[in-house]
């Protein structure tokens, strides 16, 4: 019995890792693309983008989407927050007050991560983003729709600092 339970747990875990689909509130999203984010010579995370079947890449924020980052190294949550604000500011200049608001929000959302941890941003055009750690625990949310889009534009926007990763995610 224990062997059977162990086998079922392992098979379930493997199917999650290699799945090309994700469900969000009964909506099936399919893998659009994936790519590796590298800094210098280090693999930092693998990013995956999931979209509703048939959704145009030109209308990214018209429905739902999931952006998932699987970390390849341990990182401090405050560093993730700081880099997120830096990337958002580089795309569209933020006021000092807005930078401070985002920093406070992201520090409350992003935990320290270990190699293999996954943070997913589940976007809904009417609710904003809900963030999950390892698909299990909701760790925070952004309810402002425009701020949510601005956050996702770190990876998906035309002004991203990672244009090759963007192309991989959007499969263009």
C-alpha atoms as a PDB file:
ATOM      1  CA  UNK A   1       0.000   0.000   0.000  1.00  0.00           C
ATOM      2  CA  UNK A   2       2.795   2.424   0.884  1.00  0.00           C
ATOM      3  CA  UNK A   3       4.559   1.660  -2.407  1.00  0.00           C
ATOM      4  CA  UNK A   4       1.372   2.348  -4.359  1.00  0.00           C
ATOM      5  CA  UNK A   5       0.821   5.660  -2.580  1.00  0.00           C
ATOM      6  CA  UNK A   6       4.439   6.669  -3.199  1.00  0.00           C
ATOM      7  CA  UNK A   7       4.146   5.761  -6.890  1.00  0.00           C
ATOM      8  CA  UNK A   8       0.949   7.795  -7.263  1.00  0.00           C
ATOM      9  CA  UNK A   9       2.572  10.808  -5.610  1.00  0.00           C
ATOM     10  CA  UNK A  10       5.617  10.600  -7.884  1.00  0.00           C
ATOM     11  CA  UNK A  11       3.539  10.170 -11.049  1.00  0.00           C
ATOM     12  CA  UNK A  12       1.317  13.090 -10.073  1.00  0.00           C
ATOM     13  CA  UNK A  13       4.364  15.263  -9.481  1.00  0.00           C
ATOM     14  CA  UNK A  14       5.924  14.288 -12.809  1.00  0.00           C
ATOM     15  CA  UNK A  15       2.731  15.060 -14.723  1.00  0.00           C
ATOM     16  CA  UNK A  16       2.610  18.507 -13.096  1.00  0.00           C
ATOM     17  CA  UNK A  17       6.197  19.247 -14.061  1.00  0.00           C
ATOM     18  CA  UNK A  18       5.796  18.234 -17.688  1.00  0.00           C
ATOM     19  CA  UNK A  19       2.262  19.489 -18.225  1.00  0.00           C
ATOM     20  CA  UNK A  20       1.636  21.798 -21.135  1.00  0.00           C
ATOM     21  CA  UNK A  21      -1.715  22.886 -19.704  1.00  0.00           C
ATOM     22  CA  UNK A  22      -2.875  24.599 -16.517  1.00  0.00           C
ATOM     23  CA  UNK A  23      -6.339  25.176 -15.128  1.00  0.00           C
ATOM     24  CA  UNK A  24      -7.565  28.439 -13.628  1.00  0.00           C
ATOM     25  CA  UNK A  25     -11.119  28.358 -12.285  1.00  0.00           C
ATOM     26  CA  UNK A  26     -12.317  25.820 -14.881  1.00  0.00           C
ATOM     27  CA  UNK A  27     -10.478  27.620 -17.711  1.00  0.00           C
ATOM     28  CA  UNK A  28      -7.848  25.575 -19.518  1.00  0.00           C
ATOM     29  CA  UNK A  29      -4.705  27.479 -20.447  1.00  0.00           C
ATOM     30  CA  UNK A  30      -2.102  26.054 -22.812  1.00  0.00           C
ATOM     31  CA  UNK A  31       1.641  26.563 -22.855  1.00  0.00           C
ATOM     32  CA  UNK A  32       2.440  29.406 -25.250  1.00  0.00           C
ATOM     33  CA  UNK A  33       6.205  29.337 -24.795  1.00  0.00           C
ATOM     34  CA  UNK A  34       9.051  29.053 -22.345  1.00  0.00           C
ATOM     35  CA  UNK A  35      12.601  30.247 -21.957  1.00  0.00           C
ATOM     36  CA  UNK A  36      15.520  30.559 -19.574  1.00  0.00           C
ATOM     37  CA  UNK A  37      16.468  33.838 -17.925  1.00  0.00           C
ATOM     38  CA  UNK A  38      20.226  34.035 -17.458  1.00  0.00           C
ATOM     39  CA  UNK A  39      22.302  36.597 -15.649  1.00  0.00           C
ATOM     40  CA  UNK A  40      25.913  36.631 -16.721  1.00  0.00           C
ATOM     41  CA  UNK A  41      26.548  32.871 -16.972  1.00  0.00           C
ATOM     42  CA  UNK A  42      24.040  31.786 -14.359  1.00  0.00           C
ATOM     43  CA  UNK A  43      20.648  30.212 -15.021  1.00  0.00           C
ATOM     44  CA  UNK A  44      18.287  32.194 -12.775  1.00  0.00           C
ATOM     45  CA  UNK A  45      14.850  30.834 -13.713  1.00  0.00           C
ATOM     46  CA  UNK A  46      12.810  29.155 -16.406  1.00  0.00           C
ATOM     47  CA  UNK A  47       9.776  31.201 -17.409  1.00  0.00           C
ATOM     48  CA  UNK A  48       6.597  29.705 -18.904  1.00  0.00           C
ATOM     49  CA  UNK A  49       3.588  31.526 -20.309  1.00  0.00           C
ATOM     50  CA  UNK A  50       0.155  29.880 -20.418  1.00  0.00           C
ATOM     51  CA  UNK A  51      -2.690  31.389 -22.477  1.00  0.00           C
ATOM     52  CA  UNK A  52      -6.251  30.357 -23.385  1.00  0.00           C
ATOM     53  CA  UNK A  53      -6.348  28.256 -26.547  1.00  0.00           C
ATOM     54  CA  UNK A  54      -6.460  30.445 -29.633  1.00  0.00           C
ATOM     55  CA  UNK A  55      -5.766  33.701 -27.791  1.00  0.00           C
ATOM     56  CA  UNK A  56      -3.961  36.233 -29.950  1.00  0.00           C
ATOM     57  CA  UNK A  57      -0.563  37.374 -28.708  1.00  0.00           C
ATOM     58  CA  UNK A  58      -1.709  40.909 -29.584  1.00  0.00           C
ATOM     59  CA  UNK A  59      -4.454  40.699 -26.954  1.00  0.00           C
ATOM     60  CA  UNK A  60      -2.448  39.285 -24.057  1.00  0.00           C
ATOM     61  CA  UNK A  61      -4.418  40.995 -21.346  1.00  0.00           C
ATOM     62  CA  UNK A  62      -7.892  40.460 -22.823  1.00  0.00           C
ATOM     63  CA  UNK A  63      -8.583  37.267 -20.833  1.00  0.00           C
ATOM     64  CA  UNK A  64      -6.524  35.216 -18.405  1.00  0.00           C
ATOM     65  CA  UNK A  65      -2.908  34.166 -18.431  1.00  0.00           C
ATOM     66  CA  UNK A  66      -0.343  32.575 -16.165  1.00  0.00           C
ATOM     67  CA  UNK A  67       3.328  33.464 -16.030  1.00  0.00           C
ATOM     68  CA  UNK A  68       5.313  30.905 -14.057  1.00  0.00           C
ATOM     69  CA  UNK A  69       8.925  31.262 -12.945  1.00  0.00           C
ATOM     70  CA  UNK A  70      10.801  28.176 -11.765  1.00  0.00           C
ATOM     71  CA  UNK A  71      13.930  29.230  -9.926  1.00  0.00           C
ATOM     72  CA  UNK A  72      17.251  27.554 -10.659  1.00  0.00           C
ATOM     73  CA  UNK A  73      18.944  29.082  -7.618  1.00  0.00           C
ATOM     74  CA  UNK A  74      18.111  30.425  -4.176  1.00  0.00           C
ATOM     75  CA  UNK A  75      17.166  34.108  -4.064  1.00  0.00           C
ATOM     76  CA  UNK A  76      16.172  36.540  -1.349  1.00  0.00           C
ATOM     77  CA  UNK A  77      12.579  37.797  -1.594  1.00  0.00           C
ATOM     78  CA  UNK A  78      13.679  41.404  -1.051  1.00  0.00           C
ATOM     79  CA  UNK A  79      16.051  41.091  -4.006  1.00  0.00           C
ATOM     80  CA  UNK A  80      13.204  39.783  -6.180  1.00  0.00           C
ATOM     81  CA  UNK A  81      11.052  42.742  -5.079  1.00  0.00           C
ATOM     82  CA  UNK A  82      13.828  45.258  -5.737  1.00  0.00           C
ATOM     83  CA  UNK A  83      14.584  43.878  -9.214  1.00  0.00           C
ATOM     84  CA  UNK A  84      10.872  43.849 -10.089  1.00  0.00           C
ATOM     85  CA  UNK A  85      10.537  47.550  -9.247  1.00  0.00           C
ATOM     86  CA  UNK A  86      13.749  48.330 -11.154  1.00  0.00           C
ATOM     87  CA  UNK A  87      12.457  46.528 -14.269  1.00  0.00           C
ATOM     88  CA  UNK A  88       9.048  48.224 -14.071  1.00  0.00           C
ATOM     89  CA  UNK A  89      10.705  51.626 -13.729  1.00  0.00           C
ATOM     90  CA  UNK A  90      12.948  50.971 -16.735  1.00  0.00           C
ATOM     91  CA  UNK A  91       9.898  50.413 -18.949  1.00  0.00           C
ATOM     92  CA  UNK A  92       7.880  53.413 -17.827  1.00  0.00           C
ATOM     93  CA  UNK A  93       9.321  55.859 -15.374  1.00  0.00           C
ATOM     94  CA  UNK A  94       7.684  55.550 -11.958  1.00  0.00           C
ATOM     95  CA  UNK A  95       7.280  58.334  -9.424  1.00  0.00           C
ATOM     96  CA  UNK A  96       9.173  57.966  -6.155  1.00  0.00           C
ATOM     97  CA  UNK A  97       5.849  57.334  -4.397  1.00  0.00           C
ATOM     98  CA  UNK A  98       4.863  54.599  -6.883  1.00  0.00           C
ATOM     99  CA  UNK A  99       8.278  52.910  -6.539  1.00  0.00           C
ATOM    100  CA  UNK A 100       7.840  52.901  -2.773  1.00  0.00           C
ATOM    101  CA  UNK A 101       4.301  51.476  -3.061  1.00  0.00           C
ATOM    102  CA  UNK A 102       5.461  48.694  -5.377  1.00  0.00           C
ATOM    103  CA  UNK A 103       8.464  47.909  -3.196  1.00  0.00           C
ATOM    104  CA  UNK A 104       6.290  47.597  -0.106  1.00  0.00           C
ATOM    105  CA  UNK A 105       3.769  45.423  -1.963  1.00  0.00           C
ATOM    106  CA  UNK A 106       6.382  43.125  -3.517  1.00  0.00           C
ATOM    107  CA  UNK A 107       8.295  42.715  -0.259  1.00  0.00           C
ATOM    108  CA  UNK A 108       5.049  41.487   1.291  1.00  0.00           C
ATOM    109  CA  UNK A 109       4.419  39.073  -1.607  1.00  0.00           C
ATOM    110  CA  UNK A 110       7.741  37.544  -2.625  1.00  0.00           C
ATOM    111  CA  UNK A 111       9.282  35.026  -0.233  1.00  0.00           C
ATOM    112  CA  UNK A 112      12.850  33.827  -0.255  1.00  0.00           C
ATOM    113  CA  UNK A 113      13.003  31.066  -2.872  1.00  0.00           C
ATOM    114  CA  UNK A 114      15.067  27.913  -3.130  1.00  0.00           C
ATOM    115  CA  UNK A 115      16.167  26.079  -6.250  1.00  0.00           C
ATOM    116  CA  UNK A 116      13.080  24.373  -7.711  1.00  0.00           C
ATOM    117  CA  UNK A 117      10.517  26.775  -6.200  1.00  0.00           C
ATOM    118  CA  UNK A 118       7.917  28.155  -8.602  1.00  0.00           C
ATOM    119  CA  UNK A 119       6.137  31.480  -8.355  1.00  0.00           C
ATOM    120  CA  UNK A 120       3.184  31.895 -10.687  1.00  0.00           C
ATOM    121  CA  UNK A 121       1.351  35.099 -11.507  1.00  0.00           C
ATOM    122  CA  UNK A 122      -2.248  34.297 -12.472  1.00  0.00           C
ATOM    123  CA  UNK A 123      -3.707  37.283 -14.309  1.00  0.00           C
ATOM    124  CA  UNK A 124      -7.432  37.902 -14.755  1.00  0.00           C
ATOM    125  CA  UNK A 125      -8.547  40.983 -16.711  1.00  0.00           C
ATOM    126  CA  UNK A 126     -11.112  41.827 -14.017  1.00  0.00           C
ATOM    127  CA  UNK A 127      -9.207  40.876 -10.847  1.00  0.00           C
ATOM    128  CA  UNK A 128      -5.538  41.598 -11.512  1.00  0.00           C
ATOM    129  CA  UNK A 129      -2.861  39.116 -10.419  1.00  0.00           C
ATOM    130  CA  UNK A 130      -2.855  36.453  -7.767  1.00  0.00           C
ATOM    131  CA  UNK A 131       0.578  35.103  -6.907  1.00  0.00           C
ATOM    132  CA  UNK A 132       1.134  31.480  -5.916  1.00  0.00           C
ATOM    133  CA  UNK A 133       4.137  29.641  -4.528  1.00  0.00           C
ATOM    134  CA  UNK A 134       4.550  26.120  -5.920  1.00  0.00           C
ATOM    135  CA  UNK A 135       0.934  26.184  -7.191  1.00  0.00           C
ATOM    136  CA  UNK A 136      -0.310  25.580  -3.656  1.00  0.00           C
ATOM    137  CA  UNK A 137      -0.212  28.680  -1.537  1.00  0.00           C
ATOM    138  CA  UNK A 138      -1.496  32.102  -2.542  1.00  0.00           C
ATOM    139  CA  UNK A 139       1.196  34.531  -1.414  1.00  0.00           C
ATOM    140  CA  UNK A 140      -0.345  37.821  -2.479  1.00  0.00           C
ATOM    141  CA  UNK A 141      -2.218  39.786  -5.080  1.00  0.00           C
ATOM    142  CA  UNK A 142      -2.247  42.973  -7.142  1.00  0.00           C
ATOM    143  CA  UNK A 143      -5.809  44.179  -7.654  1.00  0.00           C
ATOM    144  CA  UNK A 144      -5.051  47.227  -9.814  1.00  0.00           C
ATOM    145  CA  UNK A 145      -5.382  46.018 -13.421  1.00  0.00           C
ATOM    146  CA  UNK A 146      -2.980  48.557 -14.967  1.00  0.00           C
ATOM    147  CA  UNK A 147      -0.335  47.868 -12.309  1.00  0.00           C
ATOM    148  CA  UNK A 148      -0.800  44.141 -12.938  1.00  0.00           C
ATOM    149  CA  UNK A 149      -0.169  44.629 -16.661  1.00  0.00           C
ATOM    150  CA  UNK A 150       2.846  46.801 -15.878  1.00  0.00           C
ATOM    151  CA  UNK A 151       4.263  44.005 -13.705  1.00  0.00           C
ATOM    152  CA  UNK A 152       3.741  41.350 -16.399  1.00  0.00           C
ATOM    153  CA  UNK A 153       5.315  43.663 -18.968  1.00  0.00           C
ATOM    154  CA  UNK A 154       8.632  42.977 -17.221  1.00  0.00           C
ATOM    155  CA  UNK A 155       8.587  39.796 -19.335  1.00  0.00           C
ATOM    156  CA  UNK A 156       5.888  40.408 -21.945  1.00  0.00           C
ATOM    157  CA  UNK A 157       6.154  44.113 -22.787  1.00  0.00           C
ATOM    158  CA  UNK A 158       7.850  45.438 -25.909  1.00  0.00           C
ATOM    159  CA  UNK A 159      10.290  47.426 -23.739  1.00  0.00           C
ATOM    160  CA  UNK A 160      11.422  44.409 -21.689  1.00  0.00           C
ATOM    161  CA  UNK A 161      15.094  44.081 -20.793  1.00  0.00           C
ATOM    162  CA  UNK A 162      14.857  40.434 -21.946  1.00  0.00           C
ATOM    163  CA  UNK A 163      13.656  40.588 -25.567  1.00  0.00           C
ATOM    164  CA  UNK A 164      14.822  37.045 -26.389  1.00  0.00           C
ATOM    165  CA  UNK A 165      12.953  35.617 -23.407  1.00  0.00           C
ATOM    166  CA  UNK A 166       9.858  37.582 -24.482  1.00  0.00           C
ATOM    167  CA  UNK A 167      10.069  36.065 -27.964  1.00  0.00           C
ATOM    168  CA  UNK A 168      10.357  32.592 -26.455  1.00  0.00           C
ATOM    169  CA  UNK A 169       7.377  33.138 -24.148  1.00  0.00           C
ATOM    170  CA  UNK A 170       5.183  34.543 -26.903  1.00  0.00           C
ATOM    171  CA  UNK A 171       6.499  31.997 -29.394  1.00  0.00           C
ATOM    172  CA  UNK A 172       7.241  34.701 -31.973  1.00  0.00           C
END
